[in-house]
Amino acid sequence: MKKRTNSRGTPTSSGDALLATSSSSAGDAERDHPAYKSGAASAPATPTKRRDGSDGSGSSAGARRKRKDEIAQTFVIVNERPVDDISLDFFYKPHTITLLAVSVLAVMYFAFVRNEANVDENLWAGLLCIVFFFLIVSVIAFPNGPFTRPHPAVWRILFGCSVLYLLTLQFLMFQNYPTIRSIFYWIDPKLKNFHIDMEKEYGVNCSDISWDRVKGHLDVFAWGHFLGWAFKALLIRHMGILWGISVMWEITEITFAHLLPHFIECWWDALFLDVIVCHSLGIWMVVLWLTVQVIISVAFVYLAVYWQQRQLKKVSSTPAKRKETSPASSSSPSKGKLSPQKEKKLK
């Protein structure tokens, strides 16, 4: 009868069996795991689970333990990617206590020295202090992500800013439209007198579809759509994500057209001119450019390999040619023709 095992796959009845299993699993881990690599070569492939549930030795517990180790190693390498070629060690060593001490002293100094008479300035100072400390915590605690240049702290701060932006959007989701307007008016009082000058109306007479009108809609905004999606394609490089964002952006324009008048446009302008023409041309131009770059790179690699093989063949054939030519050039006259002195003696 098979003994019941605990969650780690070791027998619960014997301490010796537990010790043997742990020592054997440690040996398996040392044999199975490759040498640690840093940089771009350190990212391993996504660990996959075998259908038979084994690691080749017949132990399902060893397979589960190995899979957990692979997942942990993958997470660490992706989120804490090591930095190669460090020139200044000071900027890549943790200074947690020093940074927190300097931050606390700076906040205490500005909190007790500044003038507290203006309520708006007090609110602004408090919000900026919250953002400042949140970014400090981001530098200390947040992961690097897959990027390490120019410095991991830059990407941690960027991640912290994105988290703050997400929290702000969640806060605004529970507010009504007048409250949101009053918040923006408090942030920037100039918005009270702001209005959009609509010199051209894009959402009138949508049934009038003519070449002159379509040509008139191909203005600076069309070029903005085209160039914007070309840069998005250069950054994202995934057709599914690009087309999803493209369609969702047009839906967003239709949804918020009652708030922003310049979002009002005809259906054929949003569907054909924006999505099919401008977005599509920008995306496919970058895709074709990247494809050409890949083809050129592969061609150069093949040419380099072909040239290297030819050079190796020349180098390898040179000693053979020397061996073939050396007997004829270094052969003594006694093996071939007789010397003049021996011919005189024979005569």
Protein backbone atom coordinates (compact mmCIF):
# COMPACT_ATOMS: atom_id res chain seq x y z
CA MET A 1 0.00 0.00 0.00
CA LYS A 2 1.37 3.39 -0.97
CA LYS A 3 2.19 5.74 1.87
CA ARG A 4 0.46 9.09 2.00
CA THR A 5 2.70 12.05 1.34
CA ASN A 6 2.40 15.64 2.43
CA SER A 7 2.22 18.70 0.14
CA ARG A 8 5.96 18.58 -0.54
CA GLY A 9 5.85 14.96 -1.68
CA THR A 10 7.92 13.48 1.20
CA PRO A 11 6.81 10.57 3.43
CA THR A 12 5.46 11.65 6.78
CA SER A 13 6.26 8.43 8.62
CA SER A 14 10.06 8.43 8.64
CA GLY A 15 12.57 11.19 9.26
CA ASP A 16 15.27 9.23 7.41
CA ALA A 17 13.11 9.11 4.31
CA LEU A 18 12.56 12.85 4.58
CA LEU A 19 16.33 13.45 4.81
CA ALA A 20 17.03 11.15 1.86
CA THR A 21 14.36 12.79 -0.25
CA SER A 22 15.59 16.31 0.53
CA SER A 23 19.20 15.37 -0.22
CA SER A 24 18.26 13.66 -3.48
CA SER A 25 16.10 16.62 -4.53
CA ALA A 26 19.00 18.97 -3.81
CA GLY A 27 21.26 16.82 -5.95
CA ASP A 28 18.65 16.77 -8.74
CA ALA A 29 18.36 20.55 -8.56
CA GLU A 30 22.15 20.93 -8.84
CA ARG A 31 22.24 18.59 -11.84
CA ASP A 32 19.13 19.92 -13.62
CA HIS A 33 19.58 23.66 -13.27
CA PRO A 34 22.01 25.25 -15.73
CA ALA A 35 24.64 27.79 -14.82
CA TYR A 36 23.30 31.21 -13.98
CA LYS A 37 23.46 33.73 -16.81
CA SER A 38 22.96 37.47 -16.66
CA GLY A 39 21.57 39.95 -19.13
CA ALA A 40 19.36 39.12 -22.09
CA ALA A 41 20.60 35.52 -22.18
CA SER A 42 19.36 34.93 -18.64
CA ALA A 43 15.66 34.83 -19.52
CA PRO A 44 14.69 31.16 -19.72
CA ALA A 45 11.87 29.72 -21.73
CA THR A 46 8.44 29.52 -20.13
CA PRO A 47 8.39 26.35 -18.03
CA THR A 48 5.97 23.76 -19.39
CA LYS A 49 4.37 20.89 -17.57
CA ARG A 50 4.92 17.37 -18.85
CA ARG A 51 1.83 15.31 -19.52
CA ASP A 52 3.10 12.32 -17.61
CA GLY A 53 3.80 14.45 -14.54
CA SER A 54 7.38 13.22 -14.17
CA ASP A 55 10.86 14.66 -14.57
CA GLY A 56 12.32 11.63 -16.33
CA SER A 57 13.25 9.76 -13.14
CA GLY A 58 9.76 8.53 -12.27
CA SER A 59 9.24 10.93 -9.35
CA SER A 60 6.17 13.18 -9.63
CA ALA A 61 7.19 15.02 -6.46
CA GLY A 62 10.53 15.86 -8.03
CA ALA A 63 8.75 17.13 -11.15
CA ARG A 64 6.50 19.42 -9.11
CA ARG A 65 9.44 20.70 -7.08
CA LYS A 66 11.46 21.29 -10.23
CA ARG A 67 8.58 23.15 -11.85
CA LYS A 68 8.20 25.41 -8.80
CA ASP A 69 11.92 26.18 -8.90
CA GLU A 70 11.73 27.00 -12.61
CA ILE A 71 8.76 29.32 -12.10
CA ALA A 72 10.50 31.06 -9.19
CA GLN A 73 13.70 31.46 -11.21
CA THR A 74 11.77 32.81 -14.21
CA PHE A 75 9.92 35.34 -12.02
CA VAL A 76 13.14 36.56 -10.41
CA ILE A 77 14.97 36.91 -13.73
CA VAL A 78 12.10 38.74 -15.45
CA ASN A 79 11.29 41.10 -12.58
CA GLU A 80 14.81 41.53 -11.14
CA ARG A 81 16.94 41.31 -14.27
CA PRO A 82 20.61 41.78 -13.38
CA VAL A 83 22.54 44.65 -14.93
CA ASP A 84 25.55 43.87 -17.11
CA ASP A 85 28.76 45.90 -17.38
CA ILE A 86 28.40 48.02 -14.23
CA SER A 87 30.95 50.85 -14.24
CA LEU A 88 29.91 52.70 -11.05
CA ASP A 89 29.07 50.28 -8.25
CA PHE A 90 27.73 53.03 -5.97
CA PHE A 91 24.63 53.61 -8.10
CA TYR A 92 23.78 49.89 -8.22
CA LYS A 93 24.01 49.09 -4.52
CA PRO A 94 20.99 49.41 -2.19
CA HIS A 95 20.93 52.55 -0.03
CA THR A 96 17.54 52.03 1.62
CA ILE A 97 18.25 53.50 5.06
CA THR A 98 20.12 56.50 3.63
CA LEU A 99 17.35 57.26 1.14
CA LEU A 100 14.59 56.99 3.74
CA ALA A 101 16.50 59.13 6.24
CA VAL A 102 17.15 61.89 3.68
CA SER A 103 13.53 61.78 2.52
CA VAL A 104 12.12 62.04 6.04
CA LEU A 105 14.41 64.93 6.94
CA ALA A 106 13.54 66.81 3.75
CA VAL A 107 9.79 66.37 4.28
CA MET A 108 10.00 67.45 7.93
CA TYR A 109 12.01 70.52 6.96
CA PHE A 110 9.60 71.71 4.26
CA ALA A 111 6.55 70.81 6.39
CA PHE A 112 7.55 73.05 9.32
CA VAL A 113 9.26 75.88 7.47
CA ARG A 114 6.65 76.73 4.80
CA ASN A 115 3.76 79.15 5.24
CA GLU A 116 0.45 77.44 6.12
CA ALA A 117 -1.93 80.36 5.61
CA ASN A 118 -3.22 79.34 2.16
CA VAL A 119 -5.46 76.27 2.19
CA ASP A 120 -4.97 75.48 -1.52
CA GLU A 121 -1.21 75.55 -1.13
CA ASN A 122 -1.48 73.24 1.87
CA LEU A 123 -3.52 70.74 -0.13
CA TRP A 124 -1.07 70.91 -3.01
CA ALA A 125 1.89 70.40 -0.67
CA GLY A 126 0.22 67.39 0.96
CA LEU A 127 -0.57 65.76 -2.40
CA LEU A 128 2.94 66.35 -3.69
CA CYS A 129 4.37 64.86 -0.49
CA ILE A 130 2.21 61.74 -0.98
CA VAL A 131 3.40 61.39 -4.58
CA PHE A 132 7.00 61.97 -3.54
CA PHE A 133 6.97 59.29 -0.84
CA PHE A 134 5.10 56.84 -3.07
CA LEU A 135 7.81 57.21 -5.72
CA ILE A 136 10.50 56.74 -3.06
CA VAL A 137 8.81 53.51 -2.00
CA SER A 138 8.59 52.55 -5.69
CA VAL A 139 12.35 52.95 -6.09
CA ILE A 140 12.97 50.80 -3.00
CA ALA A 141 10.33 48.06 -3.29
CA PHE A 142 8.99 47.84 -6.84
CA PRO A 143 10.53 45.38 -9.35
CA ASN A 144 12.82 46.49 -12.14
CA GLY A 145 10.93 44.73 -14.88
CA PRO A 146 12.68 43.49 -18.00
CA PHE A 147 14.50 46.80 -18.59
CA THR A 148 17.79 47.85 -16.99
CA ARG A 149 18.95 50.84 -19.05
CA PRO A 150 19.67 53.65 -18.35
CA HIS A 151 19.05 52.60 -14.72
CA PRO A 152 16.54 50.27 -13.00
CA ALA A 153 15.42 53.16 -10.76
CA VAL A 154 14.01 54.97 -13.80
CA TRP A 155 11.72 52.04 -14.62
CA ARG A 156 10.69 51.66 -10.99
CA ILE A 157 9.65 55.32 -10.89
CA LEU A 158 7.78 54.88 -14.17
CA PHE A 159 5.98 51.86 -12.73
CA GLY A 160 5.10 53.90 -9.64
CA CYS A 161 3.68 56.71 -11.83
CA SER A 162 1.52 54.21 -13.69
CA VAL A 163 0.19 52.85 -10.38
CA LEU A 164 -0.64 56.39 -9.24
CA TYR A 165 -2.43 57.03 -12.54
CA LEU A 166 -4.46 53.84 -12.10
CA LEU A 167 -5.44 54.82 -8.55
CA THR A 168 -6.49 58.29 -9.76
CA LEU A 169 -8.70 56.77 -12.44
CA GLN A 170 -10.30 54.47 -9.88
CA PHE A 171 -11.03 57.47 -7.68
CA LEU A 172 -12.59 59.39 -10.58
CA MET A 173 -14.82 56.43 -11.46
CA PHE A 174 -16.87 57.05 -8.29
CA GLN A 175 -17.37 60.78 -8.94
CA ASN A 176 -20.01 62.50 -11.04
CA TYR A 177 -19.35 64.85 -13.92
CA PRO A 178 -19.71 68.19 -11.99
CA THR A 179 -17.37 66.93 -9.28
CA ILE A 180 -14.74 65.95 -11.84
CA ARG A 181 -15.05 69.36 -13.53
CA SER A 182 -14.62 71.12 -10.19
CA ILE A 183 -11.52 69.00 -9.44
CA PHE A 184 -9.96 69.99 -12.77
CA TYR A 185 -10.91 73.62 -12.19
CA TRP A 186 -9.15 73.45 -8.82
CA ILE A 187 -6.05 71.94 -10.43
CA ASP A 188 -6.00 74.49 -13.27
CA PRO A 189 -8.32 77.53 -12.86
CA LYS A 190 -7.66 78.56 -16.50
CA LEU A 191 -9.89 75.71 -17.67
CA LYS A 192 -13.00 77.72 -16.68
CA ASN A 193 -12.52 80.01 -19.67
CA PHE A 194 -11.29 77.30 -22.03
CA HIS A 195 -13.27 76.49 -25.17
CA ILE A 196 -12.46 74.65 -28.38
CA ASP A 197 -12.54 76.63 -31.61
CA MET A 198 -14.17 74.30 -34.12
CA GLU A 199 -13.32 75.80 -37.49
CA LYS A 200 -14.35 72.61 -39.29
CA GLU A 201 -17.28 70.40 -38.31
CA TYR A 202 -16.67 66.72 -38.96
CA GLY A 203 -20.03 65.29 -37.83
CA VAL A 204 -22.56 67.09 -40.05
CA ASN A 205 -24.21 65.86 -43.28
CA CYS A 206 -22.86 62.36 -42.88
CA SER A 207 -25.01 61.15 -45.78
CA ASP A 208 -23.09 63.43 -48.16
CA ILE A 209 -20.18 61.21 -49.18
CA SER A 210 -18.17 62.71 -52.01
CA TRP A 211 -14.52 62.68 -53.05
CA ASP A 212 -14.10 66.38 -52.29
CA ARG A 213 -15.42 65.95 -48.77
CA VAL A 214 -13.31 62.85 -48.11
CA LYS A 215 -10.27 64.71 -49.40
CA GLY A 216 -11.09 67.64 -47.12
CA HIS A 217 -11.07 65.32 -44.09
CA LEU A 218 -7.50 64.23 -44.86
CA ASP A 219 -6.00 67.10 -42.88
CA VAL A 220 -3.41 67.37 -40.12
CA PHE A 221 -5.44 65.08 -37.86
CA ALA A 222 -5.23 62.29 -40.44
CA TRP A 223 -1.43 62.66 -40.51
CA GLY A 224 -1.49 62.61 -36.71
CA HIS A 225 -3.40 59.31 -36.77
CA PHE A 226 -0.99 57.84 -39.32
CA LEU A 227 2.24 58.87 -37.54
CA GLY A 228 0.83 58.05 -34.11
CA TRP A 229 -0.02 54.49 -35.04
CA ALA A 230 3.26 54.06 -36.84
CA PHE A 231 5.11 54.86 -33.59
CA LYS A 232 2.71 52.64 -31.60
CA ALA A 233 3.43 49.77 -33.97
CA LEU A 234 7.17 50.38 -33.59
CA LEU A 235 6.83 50.14 -29.80
CA ILE A 236 4.23 47.37 -29.36
CA ARG A 237 4.97 45.13 -32.41
CA HIS A 238 1.91 42.92 -31.94
CA MET A 239 -0.87 42.99 -34.51
CA GLY A 240 -3.61 41.77 -32.18
CA ILE A 241 -2.87 44.34 -29.49
CA LEU A 242 -2.53 47.15 -32.06
CA TRP A 243 -5.85 46.42 -33.78
CA GLY A 244 -7.58 45.99 -30.43
CA ILE A 245 -6.35 49.39 -29.22
CA SER A 246 -7.27 50.96 -32.57
CA VAL A 247 -10.88 49.79 -32.46
CA MET A 248 -11.25 50.56 -28.75
CA TRP A 249 -9.95 54.10 -29.29
CA GLU A 250 -12.64 54.78 -31.89
CA ILE A 251 -15.26 53.40 -29.49
CA THR A 252 -13.85 55.73 -26.82
CA GLU A 253 -14.21 58.71 -29.17
CA ILE A 254 -17.85 57.83 -29.85
CA THR A 255 -18.53 57.32 -26.11
CA PHE A 256 -17.09 60.68 -25.03
CA ALA A 257 -18.26 62.71 -28.01
CA HIS A 258 -20.85 64.47 -25.82
CA LEU A 259 -18.02 65.75 -23.58
CA LEU A 260 -15.46 66.71 -26.24
CA PRO A 261 -16.97 68.25 -29.39
CA HIS A 262 -13.95 67.50 -31.58
CA PHE A 263 -14.66 63.77 -31.12
CA ILE A 264 -17.87 64.13 -33.11
CA GLU A 265 -17.36 62.69 -36.61
CA CYS A 266 -19.26 60.71 -39.23
CA TRP A 267 -19.37 56.95 -39.19
CA TRP A 268 -17.43 56.63 -42.44
CA ASP A 269 -14.76 58.96 -41.09
CA ALA A 270 -14.26 56.84 -37.95
CA LEU A 271 -14.48 53.47 -39.68
CA PHE A 272 -12.78 53.96 -43.02
CA LEU A 273 -10.54 57.03 -42.80
CA ASP A 274 -9.33 56.44 -39.25
CA VAL A 275 -9.23 52.67 -38.76
CA ILE A 276 -8.88 51.20 -42.24
CA VAL A 277 -6.80 53.94 -43.89
CA CYS A 278 -4.74 55.91 -41.36
CA HIS A 279 -4.30 53.30 -38.62
CA SER A 280 -3.84 50.45 -41.09
CA LEU A 281 -1.25 52.29 -43.19
CA GLY A 282 0.74 53.33 -40.11
CA ILE A 283 0.74 49.80 -38.67
CA TRP A 284 1.55 47.99 -41.92
CA MET A 285 4.26 50.45 -42.90
CA VAL A 286 6.16 49.67 -39.70
CA VAL A 287 5.45 45.93 -40.04
CA LEU A 288 6.85 45.91 -43.59
CA TRP A 289 9.85 47.97 -42.50
CA LEU A 290 10.59 45.56 -39.64
CA THR A 291 10.17 42.61 -42.01
CA VAL A 292 12.66 44.13 -44.45
CA GLN A 293 15.09 44.74 -41.59
CA VAL A 294 14.79 41.10 -40.50
CA ILE A 295 15.34 39.86 -44.07
CA ILE A 296 18.41 42.08 -44.48
CA SER A 297 19.80 40.91 -41.13
CA VAL A 298 19.29 37.25 -42.02
CA ALA A 299 20.90 37.82 -45.42
CA PHE A 300 23.93 39.43 -43.81
CA VAL A 301 24.21 36.55 -41.35
CA TYR A 302 24.12 33.98 -44.16
CA LEU A 303 26.67 35.95 -46.17
CA ALA A 304 28.96 36.19 -43.15
CA VAL A 305 28.66 32.44 -42.49
CA TYR A 306 29.29 31.65 -46.18
CA TRP A 307 32.36 33.90 -46.27
CA GLN A 308 33.68 32.38 -43.06
CA GLN A 309 33.23 28.86 -44.42
CA ARG A 310 35.10 29.79 -47.58
CA GLN A 311 37.97 31.22 -45.56
CA LEU A 312 38.10 28.08 -43.42
CA LYS A 313 38.21 25.91 -46.56
CA LYS A 314 41.09 27.96 -47.92
CA VAL A 315 43.01 27.70 -44.65
CA SER A 316 42.37 23.95 -44.38
CA SER A 317 43.39 23.29 -48.01
CA THR A 318 46.66 25.24 -47.77
CA PRO A 319 48.62 22.55 -45.75
CA ALA A 320 47.50 19.85 -48.23
CA LYS A 321 48.82 21.87 -51.13
CA ARG A 322 52.10 22.36 -49.31
CA LYS A 323 52.41 18.62 -48.72
CA GLU A 324 51.74 17.92 -52.40
CA THR A 325 54.30 20.44 -53.65
CA SER A 326 56.99 19.78 -51.05
CA PRO A 327 58.29 16.38 -52.41
CA ALA A 328 58.80 17.72 -55.95
CA SER A 329 60.59 20.81 -54.74
CA SER A 330 62.72 19.14 -52.07
CA SER A 331 63.54 15.89 -53.90
CA SER A 332 67.25 15.17 -54.25
CA PRO A 333 68.84 14.76 -57.73
CA SER A 334 69.76 11.11 -56.93
CA LYS A 335 66.08 10.08 -57.02
CA GLY A 336 65.37 11.79 -60.35
CA LYS A 337 67.92 12.81 -62.96
CA LEU A 338 71.62 12.07 -62.45
CA SER A 339 73.96 14.86 -61.66
CA PRO A 340 76.49 15.94 -64.37
CA GLN A 341 79.40 14.50 -62.38
CA LYS A 342 77.81 11.02 -62.21
CA GLU A 343 76.98 11.11 -65.92
CA LYS A 344 80.68 11.79 -66.69
CA LYS A 345 81.72 8.88 -64.51
CA LEU A 346 79.28 6.56 -66.24
CA LYS A 347 80.56 7.60 -69.62
